[in-house]
Structures are given as structure tokens and as C-alpha cells.
Amino acid sequence: AGFEADGALGDYFERASAAHVRQQPTRAIPLVATVDGADAGSA
């Protein structure tokens, strides 16, 4: 959502990012930013 990636490229971004974090839990530290409870960004 943050990179506004649509279609097949968006699928790749979403699935690869999730897999990256899932497979490297000690090296990949994901963050989520929320504003008043609403998702606002990632890092």
C-alpha cells in the first residue's frame, strides 16, 4: 500500500516482504506506524 504497487508487481511486493520477515526473524525487524489507530506506514 505504501509503495502504491498494483497488479502482479504489488503481489510480489506483498508476498516477498512478508516472506522476508517470516524467514529471517532475527535479522529483519518490521515496523508499522499507526495514527490514531489507523495504519499509516511501514519500515
Full PDB file with SEQRES, HELIX, SHEET, SSBOND, CRYST1, ORIGX, SCALE, CONECT and MASTER records, all heavy atoms in Angstrom:
SEQRES   1 A   43  ALA GLY PHE GLU ALA ASP GLY ALA LEU GLY ASP TYR PHE          
SEQRES   2 A   43  GLU ARG ALA SER ALA ALA HIS VAL ARG GLN GLN PRO THR          
SEQRES   3 A   43  ARG ALA ILE PRO LEU VAL ALA THR VAL ASP GLY ALA ASP          
SEQRES   4 A   43  ALA GLY SER ALA                                              
HELIX    1 AA1 GLY A    7  GLN A   23  1                                  17    
SHEET    1 AA1 2 VAL A  32  VAL A  35  0                                        
SHEET    2 AA1 2 ALA A  38  SER A  42 -1                                        
CRYST1    1.000    1.000    1.000  90.00  90.00  90.00 P 1           1          
ORIGX1      1.000000  0.000000  0.000000        0.00000                         
ORIGX2      0.000000  1.000000  0.000000        0.00000                         
ORIGX3      0.000000  0.000000  1.000000        0.00000                         
SCALE1      1.000000  0.000000  0.000000        0.00000                         
SCALE2      0.000000  1.000000  0.000000        0.00000                         
SCALE3      0.000000  0.000000  1.000000        0.00000                         
ATOM      1  N   ALA A   1       0.827  -1.211   0.000  1.00  0.00           N  
ATOM      2  CA  ALA A   1       0.000   0.000   0.000  1.00  0.00           C  
ATOM      3  C   ALA A   1       0.857   1.255   0.000  1.00  0.00           C  
ATOM      4  O   ALA A   1       0.564   2.228  -0.700  1.00  0.00           O  
ATOM      5  CB  ALA A   1      -0.932  -0.015   1.207  1.00  0.00           C  
ATOM      6  N   GLY A   2       1.937   1.252   0.791  1.00  0.00           N  
ATOM      7  CA  GLY A   2       2.778   2.437   0.894  1.00  0.00           C  
ATOM      8  C   GLY A   2       3.494   2.776  -0.396  1.00  0.00           C  
ATOM      9  O   GLY A   2       3.676   3.953  -0.722  1.00  0.00           O  
ATOM     10  N   PHE A   3       3.893   1.737  -1.148  1.00  0.00           N  
ATOM     11  CA  PHE A   3       4.568   1.970  -2.422  1.00  0.00           C  
ATOM     12  C   PHE A   3       3.586   2.025  -3.589  1.00  0.00           C  
ATOM     13  O   PHE A   3       4.000   2.156  -4.741  1.00  0.00           O  
ATOM     14  CB  PHE A   3       5.626   0.895  -2.669  1.00  0.00           C  
ATOM     15  CG  PHE A   3       6.871   1.087  -1.846  1.00  0.00           C  
ATOM     16  CD1 PHE A   3       7.060   0.378  -0.677  1.00  0.00           C  
ATOM     17  CD2 PHE A   3       7.831   2.008  -2.221  1.00  0.00           C  
ATOM     18  CE1 PHE A   3       8.204   0.562   0.099  1.00  0.00           C  
ATOM     19  CE2 PHE A   3       8.980   2.205  -1.462  1.00  0.00           C  
ATOM     20  CZ  PHE A   3       9.156   1.474  -0.298  1.00  0.00           C  
ATOM     21  N   GLU A   4       2.302   1.916  -3.278  1.00  0.00           N  
ATOM     22  CA  GLU A   4       1.230   2.012  -4.285  1.00  0.00           C  
ATOM     23  C   GLU A   4       1.509   1.087  -5.470  1.00  0.00           C  
ATOM     24  O   GLU A   4       1.427   1.485  -6.632  1.00  0.00           O  
ATOM     25  CB  GLU A   4       1.074   3.459  -4.756  1.00  0.00           C  
ATOM     26  CG  GLU A   4       0.744   4.423  -3.616  1.00  0.00           C  
ATOM     27  CD  GLU A   4       0.598   5.862  -4.079  1.00  0.00           C  
ATOM     28  OE1 GLU A   4      -0.476   6.203  -4.610  1.00  0.00           O  
ATOM     29  OE2 GLU A   4       1.574   6.626  -3.924  1.00  0.00           O  
ATOM     30  N   ALA A   5       1.860  -0.156  -5.144  1.00  0.00           N  
ATOM     31  CA  ALA A   5       2.184  -1.153  -6.162  1.00  0.00           C  
ATOM     32  C   ALA A   5       0.948  -1.983  -6.478  1.00  0.00           C  
ATOM     33  O   ALA A   5       0.376  -2.626  -5.597  1.00  0.00           O  
ATOM     34  CB  ALA A   5       3.305  -2.057  -5.674  1.00  0.00           C  
ATOM     35  N   ASP A   6       0.535  -1.971  -7.736  1.00  0.00           N  
ATOM     36  CA  ASP A   6      -0.672  -2.671  -8.162  1.00  0.00           C  
ATOM     37  C   ASP A   6      -0.333  -3.939  -8.931  1.00  0.00           C  
ATOM     38  O   ASP A   6       0.810  -4.177  -9.316  1.00  0.00           O  
ATOM     39  CB  ASP A   6      -1.532  -1.755  -9.047  1.00  0.00           C  
ATOM     40  CG  ASP A   6      -2.003  -0.511  -8.307  1.00  0.00           C  
ATOM     41  OD1 ASP A   6      -2.312  -0.630  -7.110  1.00  0.00           O  
ATOM     42  OD2 ASP A   6      -2.046   0.571  -8.929  1.00  0.00           O  
ATOM     43  N   GLY A   7      -1.343  -4.732  -9.182  1.00  0.00           N  
ATOM     44  CA  GLY A   7      -1.230  -5.882 -10.070  1.00  0.00           C  
ATOM     45  C   GLY A   7      -0.211  -6.905  -9.612  1.00  0.00           C  
ATOM     46  O   GLY A   7       0.011  -7.113  -8.416  1.00  0.00           O  
ATOM     47  N   ALA A   8       0.459  -7.532 -10.585  1.00  0.00           N  
ATOM     48  CA  ALA A   8       1.423  -8.589 -10.289  1.00  0.00           C  
ATOM     49  C   ALA A   8       2.597  -8.062  -9.478  1.00  0.00           C  
ATOM     50  O   ALA A   8       3.114  -8.750  -8.591  1.00  0.00           O  
ATOM     51  CB  ALA A   8       1.910  -9.232 -11.587  1.00  0.00           C  
ATOM     52  N   LEU A   9       3.029  -6.833  -9.772  1.00  0.00           N  
ATOM     53  CA  LEU A   9       4.143  -6.267  -9.020  1.00  0.00           C  
ATOM     54  C   LEU A   9       3.743  -6.041  -7.567  1.00  0.00           C  
ATOM     55  O   LEU A   9       4.530  -6.285  -6.647  1.00  0.00           O  
ATOM     56  CB  LEU A   9       4.608  -4.959  -9.652  1.00  0.00           C  
ATOM     57  CG  LEU A   9       5.838  -4.311  -9.013  1.00  0.00           C  
ATOM     58  CD1 LEU A   9       7.038  -5.251  -9.082  1.00  0.00           C  
ATOM     59  CD2 LEU A   9       6.164  -2.989  -9.687  1.00  0.00           C  
ATOM     60  N   GLY A  10       2.507  -5.606  -7.337  1.00  0.00           N  
ATOM     61  CA  GLY A  10       2.019  -5.438  -5.976  1.00  0.00           C  
ATOM     62  C   GLY A  10       1.969  -6.762  -5.235  1.00  0.00           C  
ATOM     63  O   GLY A  10       2.320  -6.838  -4.045  1.00  0.00           O  
ATOM     64  N   ASP A  11       1.531  -7.817  -5.921  1.00  0.00           N  
ATOM     65  CA  ASP A  11       1.522  -9.147  -5.313  1.00  0.00           C  
ATOM     66  C   ASP A  11       2.925  -9.551  -4.892  1.00  0.00           C  
ATOM     67  O   ASP A  11       3.139 -10.109  -3.810  1.00  0.00           O  
ATOM     68  CB  ASP A  11       0.965 -10.186  -6.299  1.00  0.00           C  
ATOM     69  CG  ASP A  11      -0.522  -9.994  -6.563  1.00  0.00           C  
ATOM     70  OD1 ASP A  11      -1.189  -9.333  -5.742  1.00  0.00           O  
ATOM     71  OD2 ASP A  11      -1.003 -10.502  -7.585  1.00  0.00           O  
ATOM     72  N   TYR A  12       3.885  -9.276  -5.769  1.00  0.00           N  
ATOM     73  CA  TYR A  12       5.275  -9.625  -5.457  1.00  0.00           C  
ATOM     74  C   TYR A  12       5.755  -8.863  -4.232  1.00  0.00           C  
ATOM     75  O   TYR A  12       6.356  -9.450  -3.325  1.00  0.00           O  
ATOM     76  CB  TYR A  12       6.175  -9.330  -6.656  1.00  0.00           C  
ATOM     77  CG  TYR A  12       7.640  -9.493  -6.345  1.00  0.00           C  
ATOM     78  CD1 TYR A  12       8.242 -10.740  -6.432  1.00  0.00           C  
ATOM     79  CD2 TYR A  12       8.416  -8.408  -5.931  1.00  0.00           C  
ATOM     80  CE1 TYR A  12       9.585 -10.907  -6.116  1.00  0.00           C  
ATOM     81  CE2 TYR A  12       9.755  -8.563  -5.624  1.00  0.00           C  
ATOM     82  CZ  TYR A  12      10.333  -9.809  -5.717  1.00  0.00           C  
ATOM     83  OH  TYR A  12      11.648  -9.960  -5.400  1.00  0.00           O  
ATOM     84  N   PHE A  13       5.540  -7.548  -4.204  1.00  0.00           N  
ATOM     85  CA  PHE A  13       5.979  -6.738  -3.069  1.00  0.00           C  
ATOM     86  C   PHE A  13       5.389  -7.273  -1.762  1.00  0.00           C  
ATOM     87  O   PHE A  13       6.087  -7.412  -0.763  1.00  0.00           O  
ATOM     88  CB  PHE A  13       5.559  -5.278  -3.270  1.00  0.00           C  
ATOM     89  CG  PHE A  13       6.578  -4.448  -3.994  1.00  0.00           C  
ATOM     90  CD1 PHE A  13       7.261  -4.947  -5.085  1.00  0.00           C  
ATOM     91  CD2 PHE A  13       6.846  -3.153  -3.597  1.00  0.00           C  
ATOM     92  CE1 PHE A  13       8.192  -4.186  -5.763  1.00  0.00           C  
ATOM     93  CE2 PHE A  13       7.785  -2.368  -4.262  1.00  0.00           C  
ATOM     94  CZ  PHE A  13       8.453  -2.897  -5.348  1.00  0.00           C  
ATOM     95  N   GLU A  14       4.096  -7.564  -1.783  1.00  0.00           N  
ATOM     96  CA  GLU A  14       3.421  -8.005  -0.570  1.00  0.00           C  
ATOM     97  C   GLU A  14       3.935  -9.362  -0.096  1.00  0.00           C  
ATOM     98  O   GLU A  14       4.299  -9.536   1.070  1.00  0.00           O  
ATOM     99  CB  GLU A  14       1.918  -8.067  -0.817  1.00  0.00           C  
ATOM    100  CG  GLU A  14       1.124  -8.527   0.395  1.00  0.00           C  
ATOM    101  CD  GLU A  14      -0.373  -8.465   0.176  1.00  0.00           C  
ATOM    102  OE1 GLU A  14      -0.809  -7.794  -0.777  1.00  0.00           O  
ATOM    103  OE2 GLU A  14      -1.099  -9.097   0.967  1.00  0.00           O  
ATOM    104  N   ARG A  15       3.986 -10.322  -1.001  1.00  0.00           N  
ATOM    105  CA  ARG A  15       4.365 -11.676  -0.617  1.00  0.00           C  
ATOM    106  C   ARG A  15       5.854 -11.774  -0.283  1.00  0.00           C  
ATOM    107  O   ARG A  15       6.246 -12.465   0.669  1.00  0.00           O  
ATOM    108  CB  ARG A  15       3.985 -12.645  -1.731  1.00  0.00           C  
ATOM    109  CG  ARG A  15       2.480 -12.706  -1.956  1.00  0.00           C  
ATOM    110  CD  ARG A  15       2.100 -13.515  -3.183  1.00  0.00           C  
ATOM    111  NE  ARG A  15       2.407 -14.920  -3.011  1.00  0.00           N  
ATOM    112  CZ  ARG A  15       2.120 -15.853  -3.935  1.00  0.00           C  
ATOM    113  NH1 ARG A  15       1.535 -15.498  -5.075  1.00  0.00           N  
ATOM    114  NH2 ARG A  15       2.423 -17.113  -3.709  1.00  0.00           N  
ATOM    115  N   ALA A  16       6.701 -11.088  -1.051  1.00  0.00           N  
ATOM    116  CA  ALA A  16       8.139 -11.141  -0.781  1.00  0.00           C  
ATOM    117  C   ALA A  16       8.476 -10.453   0.543  1.00  0.00           C  
ATOM    118  O   ALA A  16       9.322 -10.937   1.303  1.00  0.00           O  
ATOM    119  CB  ALA A  16       8.907 -10.503  -1.925  1.00  0.00           C  
ATOM    120  N   SER A  17       7.826  -9.321   0.826  1.00  0.00           N  
ATOM    121  CA  SER A  17       8.092  -8.610   2.079  1.00  0.00           C  
ATOM    122  C   SER A  17       7.687  -9.458   3.279  1.00  0.00           C  
ATOM    123  O   SER A  17       8.420  -9.541   4.274  1.00  0.00           O  
ATOM    124  CB  SER A  17       7.345  -7.272   2.101  1.00  0.00           C  
ATOM    125  OG  SER A  17       7.778  -6.438   1.056  1.00  0.00           O  
ATOM    126  N   ALA A  18       6.522 -10.096   3.186  1.00  0.00           N  
ATOM    127  CA  ALA A  18       6.065 -10.952   4.280  1.00  0.00           C  
ATOM    128  C   ALA A  18       7.002 -12.143   4.467  1.00  0.00           C  
ATOM    129  O   ALA A  18       7.358 -12.507   5.599  1.00  0.00           O  
ATOM    130  CB  ALA A  18       4.643 -11.430   4.009  1.00  0.00           C  
ATOM    131  N   ALA A  19       7.430 -12.752   3.354  1.00  0.00           N  
ATOM    132  CA  ALA A  19       8.315 -13.916   3.441  1.00  0.00           C  
ATOM    133  C   ALA A  19       9.668 -13.537   4.026  1.00  0.00           C  
ATOM    134  O   ALA A  19      10.258 -14.293   4.807  1.00  0.00           O  
ATOM    135  CB  ALA A  19       8.482 -14.540   2.061  1.00  0.00           C  
ATOM    136  N   HIS A  20      10.150 -12.371   3.654  1.00  0.00           N  
ATOM    137  CA  HIS A  20      11.436 -11.877   4.150  1.00  0.00           C  
ATOM    138  C   HIS A  20      11.432 -11.824   5.672  1.00  0.00           C  
ATOM    139  O   HIS A  20      12.355 -12.317   6.342  1.00  0.00           O  
ATOM    140  CB  HIS A  20      11.665 -10.484   3.569  1.00  0.00           C  
ATOM    141  CG  HIS A  20      13.043  -9.954   3.759  1.00  0.00           C  
ATOM    142  ND1 HIS A  20      13.379  -8.655   3.474  1.00  0.00           N  
ATOM    143  CD2 HIS A  20      14.183 -10.510   4.212  1.00  0.00           C  
ATOM    144  CE1 HIS A  20      14.652  -8.443   3.744  1.00  0.00           C  
ATOM    145  NE2 HIS A  20      15.167  -9.550   4.196  1.00  0.00           N  
ATOM    146  N   VAL A  21      10.387 -11.245   6.234  1.00  0.00           N  
ATOM    147  CA  VAL A  21      10.275 -11.106   7.684  1.00  0.00           C  
ATOM    148  C   VAL A  21      10.071 -12.467   8.344  1.00  0.00           C  
ATOM    149  O   VAL A  21      10.663 -12.772   9.389  1.00  0.00           O  
ATOM    150  CB  VAL A  21       9.111 -10.155   8.024  1.00  0.00           C  
ATOM    151  CG1 VAL A  21       8.820 -10.174   9.519  1.00  0.00           C  
ATOM    152  CG2 VAL A  21       9.435  -8.741   7.558  1.00  0.00           C  
ATOM    153  N   ARG A  22       9.255 -13.293   7.718  1.00  0.00           N  
ATOM    154  CA  ARG A  22       8.937 -14.605   8.293  1.00  0.00           C  
ATOM    155  C   ARG A  22      10.166 -15.516   8.341  1.00  0.00           C  
ATOM    156  O   ARG A  22      10.373 -16.254   9.308  1.00  0.00           O  
ATOM    157  CB  ARG A  22       7.825 -15.258   7.479  1.00  0.00           C  
ATOM    158  CG  ARG A  22       7.240 -16.518   8.099  1.00  0.00           C  
ATOM    159  CD  ARG A  22       6.119 -17.068   7.243  1.00  0.00           C  
ATOM    160  NE  ARG A  22       4.998 -16.135   7.170  1.00  0.00           N  
ATOM    161  CZ  ARG A  22       4.627 -15.517   6.037  1.00  0.00           C  
ATOM    162  NH1 ARG A  22       5.291 -15.727   4.907  1.00  0.00           N  
ATOM    163  NH2 ARG A  22       3.589 -14.701   6.050  1.00  0.00           N  
ATOM    164  N   GLN A  23      11.002 -15.446   7.319  1.00  0.00           N  
ATOM    165  CA  GLN A  23      12.123 -16.364   7.212  1.00  0.00           C  
ATOM    166  C   GLN A  23      13.390 -15.865   7.913  1.00  0.00           C  
ATOM    167  O   GLN A  23      14.304 -16.645   8.157  1.00  0.00           O  
ATOM    168  CB  GLN A  23      12.424 -16.630   5.739  1.00  0.00           C  
ATOM    169  CG  GLN A  23      11.315 -17.371   5.014  1.00  0.00           C  
ATOM    170  CD  GLN A  23      11.554 -17.459   3.517  1.00  0.00           C  
ATOM    171  OE1 GLN A  23      12.621 -17.111   3.022  1.00  0.00           O  
ATOM    172  NE2 GLN A  23      10.537 -17.905   2.781  1.00  0.00           N  
ATOM    173  N   GLN A  24      13.452 -14.570   8.228  1.00  0.00           N  
ATOM    174  CA  GLN A  24      14.651 -14.005   8.860  1.00  0.00           C  
ATOM    175  C   GLN A  24      14.271 -13.223  10.123  1.00  0.00           C  
ATOM    176  O   GLN A  24      14.530 -12.013  10.226  1.00  0.00           O  
ATOM    177  CB  GLN A  24      15.390 -13.087   7.879  1.00  0.00           C  
ATOM    178  CG  GLN A  24      15.858 -13.759   6.620  1.00  0.00           C  
ATOM    179  CD  GLN A  24      17.084 -14.624   6.855  1.00  0.00           C  
ATOM    180  OE1 GLN A  24      17.732 -14.545   7.891  1.00  0.00           O  
ATOM    181  NE2 GLN A  24      17.425 -15.449   5.880  1.00  0.00           N  
ATOM    182  N   PRO A  25      13.662 -13.875  11.104  1.00  0.00           N  
ATOM    183  CA  PRO A  25      13.139 -13.141  12.259  1.00  0.00           C  
ATOM    184  C   PRO A  25      14.197 -12.462  13.116  1.00  0.00           C  
ATOM    185  O   PRO A  25      13.889 -11.501  13.835  1.00  0.00           O  
ATOM    186  CB  PRO A  25      12.389 -14.225  13.059  1.00  0.00           C  
ATOM    187  CG  PRO A  25      13.052 -15.509  12.655  1.00  0.00           C  
ATOM    188  CD  PRO A  25      13.430 -15.328  11.208  1.00  0.00           C  
ATOM    189  N   THR A  26      15.440 -12.928  13.081  1.00  0.00           N  
ATOM    190  CA  THR A  26      16.478 -12.293  13.902  1.00  0.00           C  
ATOM    191  C   THR A  26      17.204 -11.186  13.164  1.00  0.00           C  
ATOM    192  O   THR A  26      17.941 -10.412  13.785  1.00  0.00           O  
ATOM    193  CB  THR A  26      17.513 -13.344  14.365  1.00  0.00           C  
ATOM    194  OG1 THR A  26      18.159 -13.915  13.216  1.00  0.00           O  
ATOM    195  CG2 THR A  26      16.843 -14.440  15.174  1.00  0.00           C  
ATOM    196  N   ARG A  27      17.011 -11.097  11.850  1.00  0.00           N  
ATOM    197  CA  ARG A  27      17.723 -10.086  11.061  1.00  0.00           C  
ATOM    198  C   ARG A  27      16.785  -9.026  10.488  1.00  0.00           C  
ATOM    199  O   ARG A  27      17.211  -7.892  10.271  1.00  0.00           O  
ATOM    200  CB  ARG A  27      18.485 -10.756   9.916  1.00  0.00           C  
ATOM    201  CG  ARG A  27      19.525 -11.758  10.396  1.00  0.00           C  
ATOM    202  CD  ARG A  27      20.271 -12.380   9.249  1.00  0.00           C  
ATOM    203  NE  ARG A  27      21.130 -11.404   8.575  1.00  0.00           N  
ATOM    204  CZ  ARG A  27      21.825 -11.671   7.467  1.00  0.00           C  
ATOM    205  NH1 ARG A  27      21.730 -12.855   6.899  1.00  0.00           N  
ATOM    206  NH2 ARG A  27      22.589 -10.747   6.927  1.00  0.00           N  
ATOM    207  N   ALA A  28      15.555  -9.396  10.219  1.00  0.00           N  
ATOM    208  CA  ALA A  28      14.584  -8.470   9.625  1.00  0.00           C  
ATOM    209  C   ALA A  28      13.610  -8.016  10.701  1.00  0.00           C  
ATOM    210  O   ALA A  28      12.845  -8.823  11.237  1.00  0.00           O  
ATOM    211  CB  ALA A  28      13.840  -9.145   8.479  1.00  0.00           C  
ATOM    212  N   ILE A  29      13.637  -6.729  11.020  1.00  0.00           N  
ATOM    213  CA  ILE A  29      12.778  -6.178  12.068  1.00  0.00           C  
ATOM    214  C   ILE A  29      11.768  -5.242  11.419  1.00  0.00           C  
ATOM    215  O   ILE A  29      12.113  -4.122  11.013  1.00  0.00           O  
ATOM    216  CB  ILE A  29      13.606  -5.423  13.117  1.00  0.00           C  
ATOM    217  CG1 ILE A  29      14.664  -6.356  13.728  1.00  0.00           C  
ATOM    218  CG2 ILE A  29      12.709  -4.848  14.205  1.00  0.00           C  
ATOM    219  CD1 ILE A  29      15.608  -5.661  14.676  1.00  0.00           C  
ATOM    220  N   PRO A  30      10.502  -5.677  11.276  1.00  0.00           N  
ATOM    221  CA  PRO A  30       9.491  -4.837  10.634  1.00  0.00           C  
ATOM    222  C   PRO A  30       8.840  -3.887  11.642  1.00  0.00           C  
ATOM    223  O   PRO A  30       8.714  -4.206  12.821  1.00  0.00           O  
ATOM    224  CB  PRO A  30       8.477  -5.858  10.120  1.00  0.00           C  
ATOM    225  CG  PRO A  30       8.522  -6.957  11.144  1.00  0.00           C  
ATOM    226  CD  PRO A  30       9.971  -7.001  11.621  1.00  0.00           C  
ATOM    227  N   LEU A  31       8.440  -2.735  11.158  1.00  0.00           N  
ATOM    228  CA  LEU A  31       7.716  -1.768  11.969  1.00  0.00           C  
ATOM    229  C   LEU A  31       6.461  -1.327  11.230  1.00  0.00           C  
ATOM    230  O   LEU A  31       6.449  -1.248   9.999  1.00  0.00           O  
ATOM    231  CB  LEU A  31       8.584  -0.541  12.259  1.00  0.00           C  
ATOM    232  CG  LEU A  31       9.891  -0.756  13.025  1.00  0.00           C  
ATOM    233  CD1 LEU A  31      10.648   0.556  13.136  1.00  0.00           C  
ATOM    234  CD2 LEU A  31       9.637  -1.356  14.390  1.00  0.00           C  
ATOM    235  N   VAL A  32       5.431  -1.024  11.999  1.00  0.00           N  
ATOM    236  CA  VAL A  32       4.214  -0.443  11.436  1.00  0.00           C  
ATOM    237  C   VAL A  32       3.924   0.853  12.183  1.00  0.00           C  
ATOM    238  O   VAL A  32       4.045   0.917  13.405  1.00  0.00           O  
ATOM    239  CB  VAL A  32       3.020  -1.414  11.544  1.00  0.00           C  
ATOM    240  CG1 VAL A  32       2.755  -1.814  12.988  1.00  0.00           C  
ATOM    241  CG2 VAL A  32       1.756  -0.767  10.949  1.00  0.00           C  
ATOM    242  N   ALA A  33       3.602   1.888  11.421  1.00  0.00           N  
ATOM    243  CA  ALA A  33       3.212   3.165  12.008  1.00  0.00           C  
ATOM    244  C   ALA A  33       1.698   3.300  11.918  1.00  0.00           C  
ATOM    245  O   ALA A  33       1.111   3.047  10.862  1.00  0.00           O  
ATOM    246  CB  ALA A  33       3.878   4.319  11.264  1.00  0.00           C  
ATOM    247  N   THR A  34       1.070   3.660  13.030  1.00  0.00           N  
ATOM    248  CA  THR A  34      -0.361   3.943  13.032  1.00  0.00           C  
ATOM    249  C   THR A  34      -0.583   5.358  13.554  1.00  0.00           C  
ATOM    250  O   THR A  34       0.201   5.861  14.372  1.00  0.00           O  
ATOM    251  CB  THR A  34      -1.147   2.948  13.906  1.00  0.00           C  
ATOM    252  OG1 THR A  34      -0.702   3.055  15.270  1.00  0.00           O  
ATOM    253  CG2 THR A  34      -0.947   1.514  13.428  1.00  0.00           C  
ATOM    254  N   VAL A  35      -1.628   5.988  13.066  1.00  0.00           N  
ATOM    255  CA  VAL A  35      -2.031   7.308  13.543  1.00  0.00           C  
ATOM    256  C   VAL A  35      -3.473   7.204  14.011  1.00  0.00           C  
ATOM    257  O   VAL A  35      -4.370   6.882  13.222  1.00  0.00           O  
ATOM    258  CB  VAL A  35      -1.886   8.377  12.443  1.00  0.00           C  
ATOM    259  CG1 VAL A  35      -2.459   9.711  12.922  1.00  0.00           C  
ATOM    260  CG2 VAL A  35      -0.433   8.549  12.042  1.00  0.00           C  
ATOM    261  N   ASP A  36      -3.663   7.411  15.292  1.00  0.00           N  
ATOM    262  CA  ASP A  36      -4.987   7.274  15.902  1.00  0.00           C  
ATOM    263  C   ASP A  36      -5.605   5.921  15.559  1.00  0.00           C  
ATOM    264  O   ASP A  36      -6.808   5.806  15.288  1.00  0.00           O  
ATOM    265  CB  ASP A  36      -5.909   8.406  15.451  1.00  0.00           C  
ATOM    266  CG  ASP A  36      -5.407   9.762  15.900  1.00  0.00           C  
ATOM    267  OD1 ASP A  36      -4.789   9.842  16.980  1.00  0.00           O  
ATOM    268  OD2 ASP A  36      -5.618  10.755  15.160  1.00  0.00           O  
ATOM    269  N   GLY A  37      -4.755   4.887  15.543  1.00  0.00           N  
ATOM    270  CA  GLY A  37      -5.224   3.524  15.331  1.00  0.00           C  
ATOM    271  C   GLY A  37      -5.298   3.083  13.887  1.00  0.00           C  
ATOM    272  O   GLY A  37      -5.517   1.894  13.621  1.00  0.00           O  
ATOM    273  N   ALA A  38      -5.101   3.979  12.932  1.00  0.00           N  
ATOM    274  CA  ALA A  38      -5.183   3.629  11.508  1.00  0.00           C  
ATOM    275  C   ALA A  38      -3.781   3.392  10.957  1.00  0.00           C  
ATOM    276  O   ALA A  38      -2.856   4.167  11.232  1.00  0.00           O  
ATOM    277  CB  ALA A  38      -5.872   4.742  10.722  1.00  0.00           C  
ATOM    278  N   ASP A  39      -3.629   2.333  10.170  1.00  0.00           N  
ATOM    279  CA  ASP A  39      -2.328   2.049   9.557  1.00  0.00           C  
ATOM    280  C   ASP A  39      -1.883   3.218   8.688  1.00  0.00           C  
ATOM    281  O   ASP A  39      -2.641   3.705   7.843  1.00  0.00           O  
ATOM    282  CB  ASP A  39      -2.409   0.786   8.705  1.00  0.00           C  
ATOM    283  CG  ASP A  39      -2.479  -0.469   9.549  1.00  0.00           C  
ATOM    284  OD1 ASP A  39      -2.169  -0.398  10.754  1.00  0.00           O  
ATOM    285  OD2 ASP A  39      -2.843  -1.534   9.007  1.00  0.00           O  
ATOM    286  N   ALA A  40      -0.635   3.668   8.893  1.00  0.00           N  
ATOM    287  CA  ALA A  40      -0.142   4.852   8.179  1.00  0.00           C  
ATOM    288  C   ALA A  40       1.138   4.600   7.401  1.00  0.00           C  
ATOM    289  O   ALA A  40       1.442   5.342   6.472  1.00  0.00           O  
ATOM    290  CB  ALA A  40       0.082   6.000   9.164  1.00  0.00           C  
ATOM    291  N   GLY A  41       1.916   3.573   7.760  1.00  0.00           N  
ATOM    292  CA  GLY A  41       3.174   3.357   7.056  1.00  0.00           C  
ATOM    293  C   GLY A  41       3.899   2.132   7.554  1.00  0.00           C  
ATOM    294  O   GLY A  41       3.479   1.472   8.514  1.00  0.00           O  
ATOM    295  N   SER A  42       5.011   1.822   6.893  1.00  0.00           N  
ATOM    296  CA  SER A  42       5.801   0.643   7.238  1.00  0.00           C  
ATOM    297  C   SER A  42       7.281   0.982   7.137  1.00  0.00           C  
ATOM    298  O   SER A  42       7.674   1.964   6.503  1.00  0.00           O  
ATOM    299  CB  SER A  42       5.477  -0.517   6.288  1.00  0.00           C  
ATOM    300  OG  SER A  42       5.869  -0.183   4.964  1.00  0.00           O  
ATOM    301  N   ALA A  43       8.108   0.134   7.751  1.00  0.00           N  
ATOM    302  CA  ALA A  43       9.554   0.304   7.678  1.00  0.00           C  
ATOM    303  C   ALA A  43      10.209  -1.001   8.095  1.00  0.00           C  
ATOM    304  O   ALA A  43       9.639  -1.780   8.868  1.00  0.00           O  
ATOM    305  CB  ALA A  43      10.017   1.443   8.575  1.00  0.00           C  
TER     306      ALA A  43                                                      
MASTER        0    0    0    1    2    0    0    6  305    1    0    4          
END                                                                             
